[in-house]
Amino acid sequence: MSDYRVQPGEAQEDQVTAAIEKYTAQVPSSVYLGLAIASIAASVTFKIAKKEHEALFVGQWVAPFLLLGIYNKLVKQHGSDAAVNG
């Protein structure tokens, strides 16, 4: 059976990714958690105000904010090309 996994150093990210990561890594991870919590609070507020559409719209922001926070944390710990550069 063949092993099709990418090995460390076999593939590299482009310069656009590196530039984005350079700036986004400066954002504290707590910012993304705060944005997720604020989205939950805003969604509940809209729900209480009987604004169903707005509550659903803002409530859907929670998962992307948490995923961005995870990505941010991974970039800080490993970088996109950590095996090549580290």
PDB file of N, CA and C in Angstrom:
ATOM      1  N   MET A   1       0.839  -1.174   0.000  1.00  0.00           N
ATOM      2  CA  MET A   1       0.000   0.000   0.000  1.00  0.00           C
ATOM      3  C   MET A   1       0.891   1.247   0.000  1.00  0.00           C
ATOM      4  N   SER A   2       0.593   2.209  -0.852  1.00  0.00           N
ATOM      5  CA  SER A   2       1.410   3.413  -0.972  1.00  0.00           C
ATOM      6  C   SER A   2       1.060   4.443   0.084  1.00  0.00           C
ATOM      7  N   ASP A   3       2.060   5.233   0.449  1.00  0.00           N
ATOM      8  CA  ASP A   3       1.872   6.316   1.406  1.00  0.00           C
ATOM      9  C   ASP A   3       1.833   7.629   0.629  1.00  0.00           C
ATOM     10  N   TYR A   4       0.650   8.255   0.566  1.00  0.00           N
ATOM     11  CA  TYR A   4       0.473   9.462  -0.228  1.00  0.00           C
ATOM     12  C   TYR A   4       0.547  10.742   0.600  1.00  0.00           C
ATOM     13  N   ARG A   5       0.928  10.635   1.864  1.00  0.00           N
ATOM     14  CA  ARG A   5       0.995  11.825   2.710  1.00  0.00           C
ATOM     15  C   ARG A   5       2.130  12.746   2.276  1.00  0.00           C
ATOM     16  N   VAL A   6       1.934  14.032   2.502  1.00  0.00           N
ATOM     17  CA  VAL A   6       2.972  15.015   2.225  1.00  0.00           C
ATOM     18  C   VAL A   6       3.985  14.958   3.358  1.00  0.00           C
ATOM     19  N   GLN A   7       5.236  14.827   3.012  1.00  0.00           N
ATOM     20  CA  GLN A   7       6.306  14.741   3.996  1.00  0.00           C
ATOM     21  C   GLN A   7       6.800  16.149   4.354  1.00  0.00           C
ATOM     22  N   PRO A   8       7.337  16.342   5.566  1.00  0.00           N
ATOM     23  CA  PRO A   8       7.861  17.659   5.961  1.00  0.00           C
ATOM     24  C   PRO A   8       8.898  18.159   4.951  1.00  0.00           C
ATOM     25  N   GLY A   9       8.736  19.402   4.527  1.00  0.00           N
ATOM     26  CA  GLY A   9       9.653  20.007   3.574  1.00  0.00           C
ATOM     27  C   GLY A   9       9.342  19.703   2.127  1.00  0.00           C
ATOM     28  N   GLU A  10       8.365  18.844   1.866  1.00  0.00           N
ATOM     29  CA  GLU A  10       8.035  18.448   0.499  1.00  0.00           C
ATOM     30  C   GLU A  10       7.231  19.525  -0.238  1.00  0.00           C
ATOM     31  N   ALA A  11       6.395  20.256   0.493  1.00  0.00           N
ATOM     32  CA  ALA A  11       5.577  21.307  -0.113  1.00  0.00           C
ATOM     33  C   ALA A  11       5.725  22.577   0.710  1.00  0.00           C
ATOM     34  N   GLN A  12       5.672  23.710   0.036  1.00  0.00           N
ATOM     35  CA  GLN A  12       5.819  24.996   0.721  1.00  0.00           C
ATOM     36  C   GLN A  12       4.645  25.900   0.402  1.00  0.00           C
ATOM     37  N   GLU A  13       4.336  26.784   1.350  1.00  0.00           N
ATOM     38  CA  GLU A  13       3.301  27.790   1.122  1.00  0.00           C
ATOM     39  C   GLU A  13       3.875  28.914   0.271  1.00  0.00           C
ATOM     40  N   ASP A  14       2.983  29.658  -0.389  1.00  0.00           N
ATOM     41  CA  ASP A  14       3.439  30.768  -1.214  1.00  0.00           C
ATOM     42  C   ASP A  14       3.681  32.021  -0.376  1.00  0.00           C
ATOM     43  N   GLN A  15       4.150  33.068  -1.010  1.00  0.00           N
ATOM     44  CA  GLN A  15       4.487  34.307  -0.316  1.00  0.00           C
ATOM     45  C   GLN A  15       3.251  35.045   0.187  1.00  0.00           C
ATOM     46  N   VAL A  16       2.124  34.867  -0.487  1.00  0.00           N
ATOM     47  CA  VAL A  16       0.885  35.510  -0.038  1.00  0.00           C
ATOM     48  C   VAL A  16       0.489  34.952   1.326  1.00  0.00           C
ATOM     49  N   THR A  17       0.541  33.622   1.451  1.00  0.00           N
ATOM     50  CA  THR A  17       0.211  32.986   2.724  1.00  0.00           C
ATOM     51  C   THR A  17       1.170  33.441   3.815  1.00  0.00           C
ATOM     52  N   ALA A  18       2.444  33.490   3.493  1.00  0.00           N
ATOM     53  CA  ALA A  18       3.450  33.919   4.473  1.00  0.00           C
ATOM     54  C   ALA A  18       3.193  35.361   4.923  1.00  0.00           C
ATOM     55  N   ALA A  19       2.835  36.229   3.993  1.00  0.00           N
ATOM     56  CA  ALA A  19       2.571  37.631   4.338  1.00  0.00           C
ATOM     57  C   ALA A  19       1.339  37.755   5.224  1.00  0.00           C
ATOM     58  N   ILE A  20       0.285  37.014   4.897  1.00  0.00           N
ATOM     59  CA  ILE A  20      -0.930  37.050   5.711  1.00  0.00           C
ATOM     60  C   ILE A  20      -0.636  36.543   7.114  1.00  0.00           C
ATOM     61  N   GLU A  21       0.098  35.436   7.206  1.00  0.00           N
ATOM     62  CA  GLU A  21       0.411  34.860   8.515  1.00  0.00           C
ATOM     63  C   GLU A  21       1.292  35.786   9.351  1.00  0.00           C
ATOM     64  N   LYS A  22       2.153  36.537   8.701  1.00  0.00           N
ATOM     65  CA  LYS A  22       3.025  37.463   9.434  1.00  0.00           C
ATOM     66  C   LYS A  22       2.197  38.498  10.195  1.00  0.00           C
ATOM     67  N   TYR A  23       1.139  38.989   9.574  1.00  0.00           N
ATOM     68  CA  TYR A  23       0.305  40.007  10.209  1.00  0.00           C
ATOM     69  C   TYR A  23      -0.741  39.413  11.144  1.00  0.00           C
ATOM     70  N   THR A  24      -1.373  38.319  10.736  1.00  0.00           N
ATOM     71  CA  THR A  24      -2.428  37.755  11.580  1.00  0.00           C
ATOM     72  C   THR A  24      -1.872  37.100  12.835  1.00  0.00           C
ATOM     73  N   ALA A  25      -0.619  36.661  12.806  1.00  0.00           N
ATOM     74  CA  ALA A  25      -0.017  36.057  13.995  1.00  0.00           C
ATOM     75  C   ALA A  25       0.191  37.081  15.106  1.00  0.00           C
ATOM     76  N   GLN A  26       0.145  38.352  14.763  1.00  0.00           N
ATOM     77  CA  GLN A  26       0.311  39.406  15.763  1.00  0.00           C
ATOM     78  C   GLN A  26      -0.972  39.644  16.566  1.00  0.00           C
ATOM     79  N   VAL A  27      -2.087  39.118  16.080  1.00  0.00           N
ATOM     80  CA  VAL A  27      -3.373  39.277  16.771  1.00  0.00           C
ATOM     81  C   VAL A  27      -3.440  38.257  17.908  1.00  0.00           C
ATOM     82  N   PRO A  28      -3.702  38.696  19.134  1.00  0.00           N
ATOM     83  CA  PRO A  28      -3.815  37.736  20.241  1.00  0.00           C
ATOM     84  C   PRO A  28      -4.982  36.773  20.018  1.00  0.00           C
ATOM     85  N   SER A  29      -4.791  35.528  20.407  1.00  0.00           N
ATOM     86  CA  SER A  29      -5.838  34.522  20.232  1.00  0.00           C
ATOM     87  C   SER A  29      -7.100  34.876  21.010  1.00  0.00           C
ATOM     88  N   SER A  30      -6.949  35.611  22.095  1.00  0.00           N
ATOM     89  CA  SER A  30      -8.111  35.998  22.900  1.00  0.00           C
ATOM     90  C   SER A  30      -9.057  36.919  22.129  1.00  0.00           C
ATOM     91  N   VAL A  31      -8.557  37.600  21.121  1.00  0.00           N
ATOM     92  CA  VAL A  31      -9.418  38.469  20.297  1.00  0.00           C
ATOM     93  C   VAL A  31     -10.467  37.624  19.577  1.00  0.00           C
ATOM     94  N   TYR A  32     -10.047  36.497  19.012  1.00  0.00           N
ATOM     95  CA  TYR A  32     -10.979  35.638  18.292  1.00  0.00           C
ATOM     96  C   TYR A  32     -12.013  35.022  19.235  1.00  0.00           C
ATOM     97  N   LEU A  33     -11.566  34.630  20.434  1.00  0.00           N
ATOM     98  CA  LEU A  33     -12.499  34.101  21.428  1.00  0.00           C
ATOM     99  C   LEU A  33     -13.485  35.189  21.846  1.00  0.00           C
ATOM    100  N   GLY A  34     -12.994  36.402  22.037  1.00  0.00           N
ATOM    101  CA  GLY A  34     -13.861  37.526  22.397  1.00  0.00           C
ATOM    102  C   GLY A  34     -14.888  37.815  21.318  1.00  0.00           C
ATOM    103  N   LEU A  35     -14.468  37.756  20.062  1.00  0.00           N
ATOM    104  CA  LEU A  35     -15.405  37.974  18.953  1.00  0.00           C
ATOM    105  C   LEU A  35     -16.476  36.885  18.908  1.00  0.00           C
ATOM    106  N   ALA A  36     -16.085  35.645  19.189  1.00  0.00           N
ATOM    107  CA  ALA A  36     -17.059  34.546  19.207  1.00  0.00           C
ATOM    108  C   ALA A  36     -18.074  34.748  20.323  1.00  0.00           C
ATOM    109  N   ILE A  37     -17.595  35.105  21.503  1.00  0.00           N
ATOM    110  CA  ILE A  37     -18.500  35.340  22.637  1.00  0.00           C
ATOM    111  C   ILE A  37     -19.401  36.535  22.364  1.00  0.00           C
ATOM    112  N   ALA A  38     -18.851  37.587  21.773  1.00  0.00           N
ATOM    113  CA  ALA A  38     -19.660  38.763  21.426  1.00  0.00           C
ATOM    114  C   ALA A  38     -20.732  38.394  20.395  1.00  0.00           C
ATOM    115  N   SER A  39     -20.408  37.519  19.463  1.00  0.00           N
ATOM    116  CA  SER A  39     -21.389  37.072  18.475  1.00  0.00           C
ATOM    117  C   SER A  39     -22.525  36.300  19.132  1.00  0.00           C
ATOM    118  N   ILE A  40     -22.173  35.467  20.106  1.00  0.00           N
ATOM    119  CA  ILE A  40     -23.204  34.728  20.841  1.00  0.00           C
ATOM    120  C   ILE A  40     -24.121  35.707  21.568  1.00  0.00           C
ATOM    121  N   ALA A  41     -23.523  36.674  22.254  1.00  0.00           N
ATOM    122  CA  ALA A  41     -24.307  37.661  23.005  1.00  0.00           C
ATOM    123  C   ALA A  41     -25.202  38.483  22.070  1.00  0.00           C
ATOM    124  N   ALA A  42     -24.653  38.890  20.935  1.00  0.00           N
ATOM    125  CA  ALA A  42     -25.439  39.668  19.977  1.00  0.00           C
ATOM    126  C   ALA A  42     -26.589  38.829  19.414  1.00  0.00           C
ATOM    127  N   SER A  43     -26.315  37.564  19.140  1.00  0.00           N
ATOM    128  CA  SER A  43     -27.358  36.684  18.622  1.00  0.00           C
ATOM    129  C   SER A  43     -28.490  36.507  19.630  1.00  0.00           C
ATOM    130  N   VAL A  44     -28.125  36.309  20.892  1.00  0.00           N
ATOM    131  CA  VAL A  44     -29.149  36.175  21.941  1.00  0.00           C
ATOM    132  C   VAL A  44     -29.947  37.467  22.071  1.00  0.00           C
ATOM    133  N   THR A  45     -29.265  38.589  21.985  1.00  0.00           N
ATOM    134  CA  THR A  45     -29.944  39.889  22.064  1.00  0.00           C
ATOM    135  C   THR A  45     -30.948  40.050  20.927  1.00  0.00           C
ATOM    136  N   PHE A  46     -30.533  39.709  19.718  1.00  0.00           N
ATOM    137  CA  PHE A  46     -31.453  39.778  18.580  1.00  0.00           C
ATOM    138  C   PHE A  46     -32.630  38.819  18.753  1.00  0.00           C
ATOM    139  N   LYS A  47     -32.358  37.644  19.290  1.00  0.00           N
ATOM    140  CA  LYS A  47     -33.422  36.654  19.508  1.00  0.00           C
ATOM    141  C   LYS A  47     -34.452  37.193  20.501  1.00  0.00           C
ATOM    142  N   ILE A  48     -33.965  37.798  21.586  1.00  0.00           N
ATOM    143  CA  ILE A  48     -34.865  38.384  22.585  1.00  0.00           C
ATOM    144  C   ILE A  48     -35.692  39.519  21.974  1.00  0.00           C
ATOM    145  N   ALA A  49     -35.063  40.280  21.062  1.00  0.00           N
ATOM    146  CA  ALA A  49     -35.745  41.397  20.402  1.00  0.00           C
ATOM    147  C   ALA A  49     -36.644  40.933  19.255  1.00  0.00           C
ATOM    148  N   LYS A  50     -36.811  39.601  19.110  1.00  0.00           N
ATOM    149  CA  LYS A  50     -37.670  39.012  18.075  1.00  0.00           C
ATOM    150  C   LYS A  50     -37.190  39.323  16.650  1.00  0.00           C
ATOM    151  N   LYS A  51     -35.883  39.503  16.508  1.00  0.00           N
ATOM    152  CA  LYS A  51     -35.295  39.709  15.182  1.00  0.00           C
ATOM    153  C   LYS A  51     -34.612  38.404  14.784  1.00  0.00           C
ATOM    154  N   GLU A  52     -35.420  37.468  14.308  1.00  0.00           N
ATOM    155  CA  GLU A  52     -34.969  36.104  14.044  1.00  0.00           C
ATOM    156  C   GLU A  52     -33.874  36.035  12.975  1.00  0.00           C
ATOM    157  N   HIS A  53     -34.069  36.762  11.881  1.00  0.00           N
ATOM    158  CA  HIS A  53     -33.100  36.724  10.781  1.00  0.00           C
ATOM    159  C   HIS A  53     -31.729  37.220  11.249  1.00  0.00           C
ATOM    160  N   GLU A  54     -31.713  38.331  11.950  1.00  0.00           N
ATOM    161  CA  GLU A  54     -30.459  38.891  12.450  1.00  0.00           C
ATOM    162  C   GLU A  54     -29.799  37.958  13.466  1.00  0.00           C
ATOM    163  N   ALA A  55     -30.608  37.323  14.315  1.00  0.00           N
ATOM    164  CA  ALA A  55     -30.080  36.400  15.323  1.00  0.00           C
ATOM    165  C   ALA A  55     -29.375  35.215  14.656  1.00  0.00           C
ATOM    166  N   LEU A  56     -29.987  34.659  13.630  1.00  0.00           N
ATOM    167  CA  LEU A  56     -29.364  33.543  12.915  1.00  0.00           C
ATOM    168  C   LEU A  56     -28.112  33.982  12.167  1.00  0.00           C
ATOM    169  N   PHE A  57     -28.187  35.141  11.534  1.00  0.00           N
ATOM    170  CA  PHE A  57     -27.047  35.647  10.767  1.00  0.00           C
ATOM    171  C   PHE A  57     -25.828  35.851  11.666  1.00  0.00           C
ATOM    172  N   VAL A  58     -26.004  36.560  12.760  1.00  0.00           N
ATOM    173  CA  VAL A  58     -24.888  36.849  13.668  1.00  0.00           C
ATOM    174  C   VAL A  58     -24.451  35.577  14.402  1.00  0.00           C
ATOM    175  N   GLY A  59     -25.375  34.704  14.708  1.00  0.00           N
ATOM    176  CA  GLY A  59     -25.042  33.459  15.388  1.00  0.00           C
ATOM    177  C   GLY A  59     -24.142  32.559  14.562  1.00  0.00           C
ATOM    178  N   GLN A  60     -24.211  32.690  13.251  1.00  0.00           N
ATOM    179  CA  GLN A  60     -23.358  31.878  12.379  1.00  0.00           C
ATOM    180  C   GLN A  60     -21.920  32.375  12.328  1.00  0.00           C
ATOM    181  N   TRP A  61     -21.623  33.501  12.923  1.00  0.00           N
ATOM    182  CA  TRP A  61     -20.253  34.032  12.949  1.00  0.00           C
ATOM    183  C   TRP A  61     -19.389  33.319  13.987  1.00  0.00           C
ATOM    184  N   VAL A  62     -20.016  32.658  14.956  1.00  0.00           N
ATOM    185  CA  VAL A  62     -19.275  32.063  16.069  1.00  0.00           C
ATOM    186  C   VAL A  62     -18.248  31.044  15.569  1.00  0.00           C
ATOM    187  N   ALA A  63     -18.673  30.087  14.773  1.00  0.00           N
ATOM    188  CA  ALA A  63     -17.767  29.029  14.302  1.00  0.00           C
ATOM    189  C   ALA A  63     -16.589  29.576  13.488  1.00  0.00           C
ATOM    190  N   PRO A  64     -16.810  30.489  12.536  1.00  0.00           N
ATOM    191  CA  PRO A  64     -15.655  31.024  11.811  1.00  0.00           C
ATOM    192  C   PRO A  64     -14.662  31.765  12.713  1.00  0.00           C
ATOM    193  N   PHE A  65     -15.158  32.510  13.693  1.00  0.00           N
ATOM    194  CA  PHE A  65     -14.241  33.193  14.609  1.00  0.00           C
ATOM    195  C   PHE A  65     -13.411  32.187  15.399  1.00  0.00           C
ATOM    196  N   LEU A  66     -14.037  31.108  15.862  1.00  0.00           N
ATOM    197  CA  LEU A  66     -13.301  30.083  16.608  1.00  0.00           C
ATOM    198  C   LEU A  66     -12.294  29.364  15.705  1.00  0.00           C
ATOM    199  N   LEU A  67     -12.681  29.091  14.470  1.00  0.00           N
ATOM    200  CA  LEU A  67     -11.746  28.453  13.537  1.00  0.00           C
ATOM    201  C   LEU A  67     -10.570  29.362  13.198  1.00  0.00           C
ATOM    202  N   LEU A  68     -10.832  30.646  13.029  1.00  0.00           N
ATOM    203  CA  LEU A  68      -9.735  31.595  12.800  1.00  0.00           C
ATOM    204  C   LEU A  68      -8.796  31.641  14.004  1.00  0.00           C
ATOM    205  N   GLY A  69      -9.360  31.550  15.203  1.00  0.00           N
ATOM    206  CA  GLY A  69      -8.540  31.520  16.404  1.00  0.00           C
ATOM    207  C   GLY A  69      -7.654  30.291  16.457  1.00  0.00           C
ATOM    208  N   ILE A  70      -8.195  29.146  16.068  1.00  0.00           N
ATOM    209  CA  ILE A  70      -7.405  27.911  16.033  1.00  0.00           C
ATOM    210  C   ILE A  70      -6.293  28.032  14.989  1.00  0.00           C
ATOM    211  N   TYR A  71      -6.632  28.530  13.816  1.00  0.00           N
ATOM    212  CA  TYR A  71      -5.617  28.717  12.768  1.00  0.00           C
ATOM    213  C   TYR A  71      -4.520  29.663  13.249  1.00  0.00           C
ATOM    214  N   ASN A  72      -4.932  30.746  13.883  1.00  0.00           N
ATOM    215  CA  ASN A  72      -3.981  31.726  14.409  1.00  0.00           C
ATOM    216  C   ASN A  72      -3.032  31.068  15.405  1.00  0.00           C
ATOM    217  N   LYS A  73      -3.577  30.253  16.285  1.00  0.00           N
ATOM    218  CA  LYS A  73      -2.770  29.569  17.295  1.00  0.00           C
ATOM    219  C   LYS A  73      -1.788  28.591  16.644  1.00  0.00           C
ATOM    220  N   LEU A  74      -2.246  27.852  15.645  1.00  0.00           N
ATOM    221  CA  LEU A  74      -1.374  26.910  14.946  1.00  0.00           C
ATOM    222  C   LEU A  74      -0.234  27.623  14.221  1.00  0.00           C
ATOM    223  N   VAL A  75      -0.537  28.760  13.608  1.00  0.00           N
ATOM    224  CA  VAL A  75       0.499  29.525  12.916  1.00  0.00           C
ATOM    225  C   VAL A  75       1.540  30.006  13.916  1.00  0.00           C
ATOM    226  N   LYS A  76       1.091  30.457  15.079  1.00  0.00           N
ATOM    227  CA  LYS A  76       2.037  30.927  16.100  1.00  0.00           C
ATOM    228  C   LYS A  76       2.920  29.789  16.603  1.00  0.00           C
ATOM    229  N   GLN A  77       2.360  28.605  16.735  1.00  0.00           N
ATOM    230  CA  GLN A  77       3.123  27.474  17.261  1.00  0.00           C
ATOM    231  C   GLN A  77       4.006  26.811  16.217  1.00  0.00           C
ATOM    232  N   HIS A  78       3.500  26.685  14.995  1.00  0.00           N
ATOM    233  CA  HIS A  78       4.208  25.900  13.991  1.00  0.00           C
ATOM    234  C   HIS A  78       4.602  26.671  12.740  1.00  0.00           C
ATOM    235  N   GLY A  79       3.891  27.732  12.417  1.00  0.00           N
ATOM    236  CA  GLY A  79       4.141  28.432  11.167  1.00  0.00           C
ATOM    237  C   GLY A  79       3.701  27.568   9.986  1.00  0.00           C
ATOM    238  N   SER A  80       3.610  28.159   8.819  1.00  0.00           N
ATOM    239  CA  SER A  80       3.147  27.390   7.664  1.00  0.00           C
ATOM    240  C   SER A  80       4.240  26.485   7.125  1.00  0.00           C
ATOM    241  N   ASP A  81       5.486  26.878   7.278  1.00  0.00           N
ATOM    242  CA  ASP A  81       6.611  26.080   6.775  1.00  0.00           C
ATOM    243  C   ASP A  81       7.599  25.786   7.886  1.00  0.00           C
ATOM    244  N   ALA A  82       7.121  25.411   9.049  1.00  0.00           N
ATOM    245  CA  ALA A  82       7.986  25.203  10.214  1.00  0.00           C
ATOM    246  C   ALA A  82       9.031  24.128   9.959  1.00  0.00           C
ATOM    247  N   ALA A  83       8.687  23.062   9.257  1.00  0.00           N
ATOM    248  CA  ALA A  83       9.645  21.976   9.020  1.00  0.00           C
ATOM    249  C   ALA A  83      10.783  22.436   8.097  1.00  0.00           C
ATOM    250  N   VAL A  84      10.478  23.376   7.196  1.00  0.00           N
ATOM    251  CA  VAL A  84      11.485  23.854   6.260  1.00  0.00           C
ATOM    252  C   VAL A  84      12.352  24.919   6.924  1.00  0.00           C
ATOM    253  N   ASN A  85      11.686  25.864   7.614  1.00  0.00           N
ATOM    254  CA  ASN A  85      12.396  27.011   8.179  1.00  0.00           C
ATOM    255  C   ASN A  85      12.898  26.773   9.586  1.00  0.00           C
ATOM    256  N   GLY A  86      12.316  25.800  10.307  1.00  0.00           N
ATOM    257  CA  GLY A  86      12.663  25.620  11.699  1.00  0.00           C
ATOM    258  C   GLY A  86      13.641  24.541  11.835  1.00  0.00           C
TER     259      GLY A  86
END
